[in-house]
Amino acid sequence: MISLQEQVVHKVSNLSEDNLQFLLEIIDRFMLTDTVKKGETVVSKRIGIAKGQKLYDDSYDFDEMNPEIARMFGVAE
C-alpha cells in the first residue's frame, strides 16, 4: 500500500509550473505554519486597497433581489 505522502508526491510531480505555484499559494494561505502553531503572531501580507472607501451607494437595497433568488432556489417568499 502506498503511503499518503507518496500519493501526494506522485500527484504533484507531474504538475505544470503554474499549477505548482497555485498549489503553493493555497498551502501558504490555508495551512498553519509552525510559527502559528507555537502561538506567535503572523502579519498578513494583504493590503487594504479600498480601506475607508465607500464600496456601494447608501441608498442601495441589498434585499431587493431576495424574491428572485428565492425563486431560483425553489423557495417561496
C-alpha atoms as a PDB file:
ATOM      1  CA  MET A   1       0.000   0.000   0.000  1.00  0.00           C
ATOM      2  CA  ILE A   2       1.285   3.452  -0.940  1.00  0.00           C
ATOM      3  CA  SER A   3       1.548   5.929   1.910  1.00  0.00           C
ATOM      4  CA  LEU A   4      -0.443   9.140   1.811  1.00  0.00           C
ATOM      5  CA  GLN A   5       2.729  11.195   1.440  1.00  0.00           C
ATOM      6  CA  GLU A   6       3.829   9.099  -1.544  1.00  0.00           C
ATOM      7  CA  GLN A   7       0.405   9.539  -3.159  1.00  0.00           C
ATOM      8  CA  VAL A   8       0.640  13.312  -2.796  1.00  0.00           C
ATOM      9  CA  VAL A   9       4.186  13.426  -4.187  1.00  0.00           C
ATOM     10  CA  HIS A  10       3.122  11.291  -7.147  1.00  0.00           C
ATOM     11  CA  LYS A  11       0.176  13.604  -7.949  1.00  0.00           C
ATOM     12  CA  VAL A  12       2.270  16.771  -7.618  1.00  0.00           C
ATOM     13  CA  SER A  13       5.301  15.537  -9.562  1.00  0.00           C
ATOM     14  CA  ASN A  14       3.626  15.964 -12.959  1.00  0.00           C
ATOM     15  CA  LEU A  15       2.041  19.392 -12.438  1.00  0.00           C
ATOM     16  CA  SER A  16       2.965  22.407 -14.552  1.00  0.00           C
ATOM     17  CA  GLU A  17       4.837  25.371 -13.051  1.00  0.00           C
ATOM     18  CA  ASP A  18       1.606  27.408 -12.959  1.00  0.00           C
ATOM     19  CA  ASN A  19      -0.257  24.663 -11.121  1.00  0.00           C
ATOM     20  CA  LEU A  20       2.619  24.198  -8.682  1.00  0.00           C
ATOM     21  CA  GLN A  21       2.647  27.948  -7.975  1.00  0.00           C
ATOM     22  CA  PHE A  22      -1.122  27.905  -7.405  1.00  0.00           C
ATOM     23  CA  LEU A  23      -0.844  24.903  -5.093  1.00  0.00           C
ATOM     24  CA  LEU A  24       1.918  26.580  -3.101  1.00  0.00           C
ATOM     25  CA  GLU A  25      -0.187  29.735  -2.705  1.00  0.00           C
ATOM     26  CA  ILE A  26      -3.135  27.663  -1.462  1.00  0.00           C
ATOM     27  CA  ILE A  27      -0.921  25.799   1.001  1.00  0.00           C
ATOM     28  CA  ASP A  28       0.559  29.070   2.276  1.00  0.00           C
ATOM     29  CA  ARG A  29      -2.880  30.617   2.632  1.00  0.00           C
ATOM     30  CA  PHE A  30      -4.745  27.799   4.350  1.00  0.00           C
ATOM     31  CA  MET A  31      -2.228  25.713   6.269  1.00  0.00           C
ATOM     32  CA  LEU A  32      -0.977  26.769   9.675  1.00  0.00           C
ATOM     33  CA  THR A  33       2.753  27.295   9.813  1.00  0.00           C
ATOM     34  CA  ASP A  34       4.904  26.173  12.737  1.00  0.00           C
ATOM     35  CA  THR A  35       5.064  29.776  13.994  1.00  0.00           C
ATOM     36  CA  VAL A  36       1.271  29.982  14.138  1.00  0.00           C
ATOM     37  CA  LYS A  37       1.062  26.642  15.923  1.00  0.00           C
ATOM     38  CA  LYS A  38       3.504  27.933  18.544  1.00  0.00           C
ATOM     39  CA  GLY A  39       1.312  30.980  19.182  1.00  0.00           C
ATOM     40  CA  GLU A  40       3.455  33.631  17.507  1.00  0.00           C
ATOM     41  CA  THR A  41       1.735  36.473  15.684  1.00  0.00           C
ATOM     42  CA  VAL A  42       1.751  36.366  11.892  1.00  0.00           C
ATOM     43  CA  VAL A  43       1.295  39.621   9.999  1.00  0.00           C
ATOM     44  CA  SER A  44      -0.974  39.441   6.965  1.00  0.00           C
ATOM     45  CA  LYS A  45       0.532  40.429   3.619  1.00  0.00           C
ATOM     46  CA  ARG A  46      -2.813  41.772   2.392  1.00  0.00           C
ATOM     47  CA  ILE A  47      -3.180  45.470   1.809  1.00  0.00           C
ATOM     48  CA  GLY A  48      -6.360  47.459   2.286  1.00  0.00           C
ATOM     49  CA  ILE A  49      -6.819  48.931  -1.174  1.00  0.00           C
ATOM     50  CA  ALA A  50     -10.385  50.082  -0.522  1.00  0.00           C
ATOM     51  CA  LYS A  51      -9.913  50.811   3.167  1.00  0.00           C
ATOM     52  CA  GLY A  52     -12.072  53.761   4.145  1.00  0.00           C
ATOM     53  CA  GLN A  53     -13.764  53.992   0.758  1.00  0.00           C
ATOM     54  CA  LYS A  54     -17.472  53.502   0.148  1.00  0.00           C
ATOM     55  CA  LEU A  55     -17.997  50.411  -1.960  1.00  0.00           C
ATOM     56  CA  TYR A  56     -21.717  50.923  -2.534  1.00  0.00           C
ATOM     57  CA  ASP A  57     -24.268  53.723  -2.511  1.00  0.00           C
ATOM     58  CA  ASP A  58     -26.019  54.387   0.815  1.00  0.00           C
ATOM     59  CA  SER A  59     -29.411  54.013  -0.876  1.00  0.00           C
ATOM     60  CA  TYR A  60     -28.583  50.568  -2.333  1.00  0.00           C
ATOM     61  CA  ASP A  61     -31.104  47.934  -1.222  1.00  0.00           C
ATOM     62  CA  PHE A  62     -29.281  44.645  -0.648  1.00  0.00           C
ATOM     63  CA  ASP A  63     -32.562  42.788  -0.172  1.00  0.00           C
ATOM     64  CA  GLU A  64     -34.039  43.954  -3.464  1.00  0.00           C
ATOM     65  CA  MET A  65     -33.212  40.702  -5.286  1.00  0.00           C
ATOM     66  CA  ASN A  66     -34.206  38.299  -2.482  1.00  0.00           C
ATOM     67  CA  PRO A  67     -37.520  37.218  -4.093  1.00  0.00           C
ATOM     68  CA  GLU A  68     -35.797  36.411  -7.395  1.00  0.00           C
ATOM     69  CA  ILE A  69     -33.037  34.480  -5.629  1.00  0.00           C
ATOM     70  CA  ALA A  70     -35.636  32.572  -3.607  1.00  0.00           C
ATOM     71  CA  ARG A  71     -37.410  31.577  -6.846  1.00  0.00           C
ATOM     72  CA  MET A  72     -34.091  30.402  -8.314  1.00  0.00           C
ATOM     73  CA  PHE A  73     -33.638  28.041  -5.372  1.00  0.00           C
ATOM     74  CA  GLY A  74     -37.268  26.951  -5.298  1.00  0.00           C
ATOM     75  CA  VAL A  75     -38.077  28.728  -2.054  1.00  0.00           C
ATOM     76  CA  ALA A  76     -41.306  30.709  -1.971  1.00  0.00           C
ATOM     77  CA  GLU A  77     -41.315  34.006  -0.095  1.00  0.00           C
END
